């Protein structure tokens, strides 16, 4: 016999050590609301950036409204749209060679 451990999922705000903020759709209405979440620590091959500008494309709009819900791209809420970003590097991992803190990236 063995005992089952109770598994409790951490909230998006507390799952990882770095605090973050974005605008998220929480359902298929497409309405974007303020959303606090967390990010994992910067790894040895990672570049962390502060997002200064972010574009939302037509595909993002389809995603947050779950227009492709019965296919491979079903929305997972909360969903923070936007993948076309411009920002500034604020941290680099120990094995990163081509970026330094302060670089502008996109």
C-alpha atoms as a PDB file:
ATOM      1  CA  UNK A   1       0.000   0.000   0.000  1.00  0.00           C
ATOM      2  CA  UNK A   2       1.033   3.574  -0.523  1.00  0.00           C
ATOM      3  CA  UNK A   3      -0.389   6.912   0.424  1.00  0.00           C
ATOM      4  CA  UNK A   4      -1.297   9.456  -2.223  1.00  0.00           C
ATOM      5  CA  UNK A   5       0.172  12.892  -1.785  1.00  0.00           C
ATOM      6  CA  UNK A   6      -2.158  15.817  -2.197  1.00  0.00           C
ATOM      7  CA  UNK A   7      -1.041  17.817  -5.220  1.00  0.00           C
ATOM      8  CA  UNK A   8      -1.940  21.475  -5.197  1.00  0.00           C
ATOM      9  CA  UNK A   9      -1.303  23.540  -8.284  1.00  0.00           C
ATOM     10  CA  UNK A  10       0.292  26.897  -7.679  1.00  0.00           C
ATOM     11  CA  UNK A  11      -1.412  29.953  -9.082  1.00  0.00           C
ATOM     12  CA  UNK A  12       0.164  31.668 -12.132  1.00  0.00           C
ATOM     13  CA  UNK A  13       1.146  34.514  -9.807  1.00  0.00           C
ATOM     14  CA  UNK A  14       3.238  32.287  -7.542  1.00  0.00           C
ATOM     15  CA  UNK A  15       4.409  29.371  -9.661  1.00  0.00           C
ATOM     16  CA  UNK A  16       7.836  30.883 -10.417  1.00  0.00           C
ATOM     17  CA  UNK A  17      10.141  33.380  -8.645  1.00  0.00           C
ATOM     18  CA  UNK A  18       9.975  36.367 -11.045  1.00  0.00           C
ATOM     19  CA  UNK A  19       6.890  38.568 -10.962  1.00  0.00           C
ATOM     20  CA  UNK A  20       5.442  39.720 -14.296  1.00  0.00           C
ATOM     21  CA  UNK A  21       2.498  41.696 -15.665  1.00  0.00           C
ATOM     22  CA  UNK A  22       0.549  41.447 -18.902  1.00  0.00           C
ATOM     23  CA  UNK A  23      -2.885  41.765 -20.439  1.00  0.00           C
ATOM     24  CA  UNK A  24      -4.746  38.463 -20.646  1.00  0.00           C
ATOM     25  CA  UNK A  25      -7.935  37.048 -22.081  1.00  0.00           C
ATOM     26  CA  UNK A  26      -9.583  34.834 -19.491  1.00  0.00           C
ATOM     27  CA  UNK A  27     -12.225  33.420 -21.830  1.00  0.00           C
ATOM     28  CA  UNK A  28     -13.304  33.455 -25.489  1.00  0.00           C
ATOM     29  CA  UNK A  29     -14.819  36.945 -25.215  1.00  0.00           C
ATOM     30  CA  UNK A  30     -11.437  38.330 -26.276  1.00  0.00           C
ATOM     31  CA  UNK A  31     -11.556  40.992 -23.559  1.00  0.00           C
ATOM     32  CA  UNK A  32      -8.031  41.705 -22.265  1.00  0.00           C
ATOM     33  CA  UNK A  33      -7.699  42.433 -18.556  1.00  0.00           C
ATOM     34  CA  UNK A  34      -4.685  43.145 -16.305  1.00  0.00           C
ATOM     35  CA  UNK A  35      -2.937  39.915 -15.341  1.00  0.00           C
ATOM     36  CA  UNK A  36      -0.178  39.309 -12.799  1.00  0.00           C
ATOM     37  CA  UNK A  37       1.831  36.141 -13.294  1.00  0.00           C
ATOM     38  CA  UNK A  38       5.303  34.759 -12.668  1.00  0.00           C
ATOM     39  CA  UNK A  39       8.235  33.656 -14.821  1.00  0.00           C
ATOM     40  CA  UNK A  40      10.964  31.136 -14.101  1.00  0.00           C
ATOM     41  CA  UNK A  41      14.437  32.301 -13.150  1.00  0.00           C
ATOM     42  CA  UNK A  42      16.784  33.225 -15.996  1.00  0.00           C
ATOM     43  CA  UNK A  43      18.672  30.109 -17.091  1.00  0.00           C
ATOM     44  CA  UNK A  44      22.259  29.875 -18.282  1.00  0.00           C
ATOM     45  CA  UNK A  45      21.233  30.136 -21.976  1.00  0.00           C
ATOM     46  CA  UNK A  46      18.398  32.658 -21.457  1.00  0.00           C
ATOM     47  CA  UNK A  47      18.029  36.358 -22.147  1.00  0.00           C
ATOM     48  CA  UNK A  48      15.474  38.238 -20.029  1.00  0.00           C
ATOM     49  CA  UNK A  49      14.059  41.410 -21.487  1.00  0.00           C
ATOM     50  CA  UNK A  50      11.757  44.184 -20.465  1.00  0.00           C
ATOM     51  CA  UNK A  51       9.061  44.428 -23.142  1.00  0.00           C
ATOM     52  CA  UNK A  52       8.758  48.032 -24.318  1.00  0.00           C
ATOM     53  CA  UNK A  53       6.413  47.467 -27.274  1.00  0.00           C
ATOM     54  CA  UNK A  54       4.306  44.509 -28.342  1.00  0.00           C
ATOM     55  CA  UNK A  55       2.265  43.887 -31.458  1.00  0.00           C
ATOM     56  CA  UNK A  56      -0.880  41.801 -31.536  1.00  0.00           C
ATOM     57  CA  UNK A  57      -1.462  40.159 -34.898  1.00  0.00           C
ATOM     58  CA  UNK A  58      -4.571  38.684 -36.486  1.00  0.00           C
ATOM     59  CA  UNK A  59      -3.577  35.190 -35.332  1.00  0.00           C
ATOM     60  CA  UNK A  60      -3.419  36.415 -31.724  1.00  0.00           C
ATOM     61  CA  UNK A  61      -6.992  37.691 -32.045  1.00  0.00           C
ATOM     62  CA  UNK A  62      -8.182  34.324 -33.384  1.00  0.00           C
ATOM     63  CA  UNK A  63      -6.357  32.555 -30.547  1.00  0.00           C
ATOM     64  CA  UNK A  64      -7.770  34.617 -27.658  1.00  0.00           C
ATOM     65  CA  UNK A  65     -11.295  34.217 -29.087  1.00  0.00           C
ATOM     66  CA  UNK A  66     -10.685  30.462 -29.426  1.00  0.00           C
ATOM     67  CA  UNK A  67     -11.673  30.548 -33.092  1.00  0.00           C
ATOM     68  CA  UNK A  68      -9.580  27.418 -33.661  1.00  0.00           C
ATOM     69  CA  UNK A  69     -10.938  25.601 -30.592  1.00  0.00           C
ATOM     70  CA  UNK A  70     -11.441  22.203 -32.188  1.00  0.00           C
ATOM     71  CA  UNK A  71      -7.986  22.055 -33.748  1.00  0.00           C
ATOM     72  CA  UNK A  72      -4.401  21.954 -32.522  1.00  0.00           C
ATOM     73  CA  UNK A  73      -4.508  25.623 -31.544  1.00  0.00           C
ATOM     74  CA  UNK A  74      -7.256  25.568 -28.912  1.00  0.00           C
ATOM     75  CA  UNK A  75      -6.869  28.481 -26.514  1.00  0.00           C
ATOM     76  CA  UNK A  76      -5.544  27.869 -23.034  1.00  0.00           C
ATOM     77  CA  UNK A  77      -6.760  30.566 -20.635  1.00  0.00           C
ATOM     78  CA  UNK A  78      -5.564  32.855 -19.258  1.00  0.00           C
ATOM     79  CA  UNK A  79      -3.917  33.747 -22.571  1.00  0.00           C
ATOM     80  CA  UNK A  80      -1.498  36.670 -22.903  1.00  0.00           C
ATOM     81  CA  UNK A  81      -1.376  37.510 -26.631  1.00  0.00           C
ATOM     82  CA  UNK A  82       1.493  39.131 -28.469  1.00  0.00           C
ATOM     83  CA  UNK A  83       4.703  37.575 -29.703  1.00  0.00           C
ATOM     84  CA  UNK A  84       6.162  40.395 -31.777  1.00  0.00           C
ATOM     85  CA  UNK A  85       8.065  42.382 -29.168  1.00  0.00           C
ATOM     86  CA  UNK A  86      10.720  45.062 -28.849  1.00  0.00           C
ATOM     87  CA  UNK A  87      12.492  45.454 -25.551  1.00  0.00           C
ATOM     88  CA  UNK A  88      15.653  45.963 -23.560  1.00  0.00           C
ATOM     89  CA  UNK A  89      17.844  43.185 -22.171  1.00  0.00           C
ATOM     90  CA  UNK A  90      17.777  43.293 -18.367  1.00  0.00           C
ATOM     91  CA  UNK A  91      19.528  39.992 -17.581  1.00  0.00           C
ATOM     92  CA  UNK A  92      21.599  37.374 -19.419  1.00  0.00           C
ATOM     93  CA  UNK A  93      22.466  33.810 -18.493  1.00  0.00           C
ATOM     94  CA  UNK A  94      26.039  32.749 -17.824  1.00  0.00           C
ATOM     95  CA  UNK A  95      26.404  31.051 -21.235  1.00  0.00           C
ATOM     96  CA  UNK A  96      24.965  33.904 -23.334  1.00  0.00           C
ATOM     97  CA  UNK A  97      27.567  35.517 -25.601  1.00  0.00           C
ATOM     98  CA  UNK A  98      25.794  37.754 -28.124  1.00  0.00           C
ATOM     99  CA  UNK A  99      23.688  39.941 -25.826  1.00  0.00           C
ATOM    100  CA  UNK A 100      24.490  42.221 -22.912  1.00  0.00           C
ATOM    101  CA  UNK A 101      22.353  44.093 -20.410  1.00  0.00           C
ATOM    102  CA  UNK A 102      21.070  47.282 -21.985  1.00  0.00           C
ATOM    103  CA  UNK A 103      20.908  45.951 -25.566  1.00  0.00           C
ATOM    104  CA  UNK A 104      17.760  46.826 -27.499  1.00  0.00           C
ATOM    105  CA  UNK A 105      16.244  43.661 -28.994  1.00  0.00           C
ATOM    106  CA  UNK A 106      13.266  42.611 -31.081  1.00  0.00           C
END
